[in-house]
Every structure is written in structure tokens, then in C-alpha cells.
Amino acid sequence: MHNLVKIVVTVGIGWTAVASAAEFKVAQKNKAFSVPTLTIKVGDTVNFSNEDTVAHNIFTLSDPEQFDLGTTTPSQSKPFTFKKPGTYDVECAIHTNMKMTITVK
């Protein structure tokens, strides 16, 4: 499930460029990610939604861009916007078997 957000950028006089970014939802449920892999574009946002009964901590140590979203409690969501292309191995610091791969093009 994703929503499309359009961003209009005016470049010089009379020129307009339209860029779009999408938002994706990845649920955390039953101590697993809802999808094992996801392919998105630079500028897209992934909203990590805790639909579980326990807390999670989503992070990646992958290059090109490391992040740690901290602890998310049940019913809480945290977004991350991917600004650099590459492959991200995403994990939960609390449940080491929770892993997924996000490819950003």
C-alpha cells in the first residue's frame, strides 16, 4: 500500500518539473516484517508500523545511509525517507530474526 505525493519544482522562468515520491507501509507483526523485500525510489518514505503486541527497534548498519528509528511500541509508527540509492539490510535490534531488504533505486 502506498500513496503518491507530488512535488512541483519551478526551474527558471516558464519551466516546471514534477517529481513524485511514494510512501510505503511495512508492518511489524508476529515478530516479523510484513514483506521480506521492498524496492523503492530515492525520496520515497517507508512507514514502519508496529502492529505487534511487543516493542521493536528498527535499524540498518548498511551503507549508504545508516539509521536507527529507536523503539516503537504497539500501535506506533515511524517513517524513514530514503535519500540515497543502494541496498539496505533492515533489522530489529530486539528480535534478531526480524530481517528484510530494501532496495533503493
Protein backbone atom coordinates (compact mmCIF):
# COMPACT_ATOMS: atom_id res chain seq x y z
CA MET A 1 0.00 0.00 0.00
CA HIS A 2 1.42 3.36 -0.96
CA ASN A 3 0.29 6.88 -1.51
CA LEU A 4 1.73 9.12 -4.18
CA VAL A 5 2.83 12.61 -3.21
CA LYS A 6 3.58 15.11 -5.98
CA ILE A 7 6.16 17.81 -5.56
CA VAL A 8 6.26 20.62 -8.12
CA VAL A 9 9.55 22.42 -8.58
CA THR A 10 9.83 25.58 -10.66
CA VAL A 11 13.09 25.70 -12.59
CA GLY A 12 13.74 29.09 -14.14
CA ILE A 13 11.12 31.17 -15.89
CA GLY A 14 8.40 29.13 -17.55
CA TRP A 15 9.86 25.71 -16.71
CA THR A 16 8.22 23.39 -14.24
CA ALA A 17 9.44 19.93 -13.28
CA VAL A 18 7.20 17.47 -11.48
CA ALA A 19 8.78 14.95 -9.13
CA SER A 20 6.88 12.37 -7.17
CA ALA A 21 7.63 10.43 -4.06
CA ALA A 22 5.71 7.48 -2.71
CA GLU A 23 5.01 6.34 0.83
CA PHE A 24 5.11 2.65 1.67
CA LYS A 25 3.93 0.85 4.81
CA VAL A 26 5.86 -2.05 6.30
CA ALA A 27 4.07 -3.64 9.23
CA GLN A 28 5.76 -5.43 12.11
CA LYS A 29 3.51 -8.26 13.23
CA ASN A 30 4.10 -11.65 14.86
CA LYS A 31 7.75 -10.62 15.31
CA ALA A 32 8.24 -10.34 11.53
CA PHE A 33 8.17 -7.71 8.81
CA SER A 34 5.11 -7.84 6.54
CA VAL A 35 7.35 -8.20 3.46
CA PRO A 36 10.84 -9.72 3.14
CA THR A 37 11.90 -7.31 0.37
CA LEU A 38 10.84 -3.93 -0.94
CA THR A 39 12.05 -1.93 -3.94
CA ILE A 40 11.55 1.83 -3.85
CA LYS A 41 12.98 5.02 -5.37
CA VAL A 42 15.21 7.70 -3.87
CA GLY A 43 12.95 10.13 -1.98
CA ASP A 44 10.34 7.51 -1.09
CA THR A 45 9.33 7.05 2.55
CA VAL A 46 8.79 3.77 4.36
CA ASN A 47 6.49 3.97 7.36
CA PHE A 48 7.36 1.18 9.80
CA SER A 49 4.14 0.38 11.67
CA ASN A 50 4.20 -1.73 14.84
CA GLU A 51 1.09 -3.90 14.62
CA ASP A 52 2.50 -6.39 17.10
CA THR A 53 1.92 -6.91 20.81
CA VAL A 54 5.59 -6.23 21.64
CA ALA A 55 8.07 -3.39 21.10
CA HIS A 56 10.50 -3.32 18.15
CA ASN A 57 13.61 -1.32 17.24
CA ILE A 58 14.18 -0.88 13.51
CA PHE A 59 17.68 -0.07 12.23
CA THR A 60 20.24 -0.64 9.49
CA LEU A 61 24.01 -0.53 9.52
CA SER A 62 24.09 -0.75 5.73
CA ASP A 63 25.79 1.78 3.54
CA PRO A 64 24.98 4.15 2.00
CA GLU A 65 22.81 5.51 4.85
CA GLN A 66 22.57 4.08 8.36
CA PHE A 67 19.55 4.74 10.57
CA ASP A 68 18.07 3.69 13.91
CA LEU A 69 14.41 4.53 14.46
CA GLY A 70 14.54 3.67 18.14
CA THR A 71 11.90 1.71 19.98
CA THR A 72 8.37 1.55 18.59
CA THR A 73 5.66 0.35 20.91
CA PRO A 74 2.48 -1.42 19.74
CA SER A 75 0.30 0.85 17.54
CA GLN A 76 3.18 3.28 16.96
CA SER A 77 4.64 4.08 13.52
CA LYS A 78 7.91 5.69 12.48
CA PRO A 79 8.77 6.86 8.96
CA PHE A 80 12.13 6.99 7.21
CA THR A 81 12.78 8.75 3.90
CA PHE A 82 15.50 7.12 1.81
CA LYS A 83 17.77 9.76 0.27
CA LYS A 84 20.49 7.55 -1.23
CA PRO A 85 20.32 4.59 -3.64
CA GLY A 86 21.57 1.20 -2.53
CA THR A 87 20.66 -1.94 -0.63
CA TYR A 88 19.58 -1.68 2.99
CA ASP A 89 19.52 -4.71 5.29
CA VAL A 90 16.90 -3.71 7.86
CA GLU A 91 16.64 -5.49 11.21
CA CYS A 92 15.03 -5.34 14.64
CA ALA A 93 17.52 -4.87 17.48
CA ILE A 94 15.17 -6.66 19.89
CA HIS A 95 14.20 -9.64 17.69
CA THR A 96 17.31 -10.66 15.75
CA ASN A 97 15.36 -12.99 13.45
CA MET A 98 13.40 -10.00 12.05
CA LYS A 99 15.13 -9.02 8.81
CA MET A 100 14.19 -7.51 5.47
CA THR A 101 15.95 -5.92 2.50
CA ILE A 102 15.03 -2.57 0.97
CA THR A 103 16.49 -1.73 -2.44
CA VAL A 104 16.50 1.97 -3.31
CA LYS A 105 16.92 2.89 -6.98
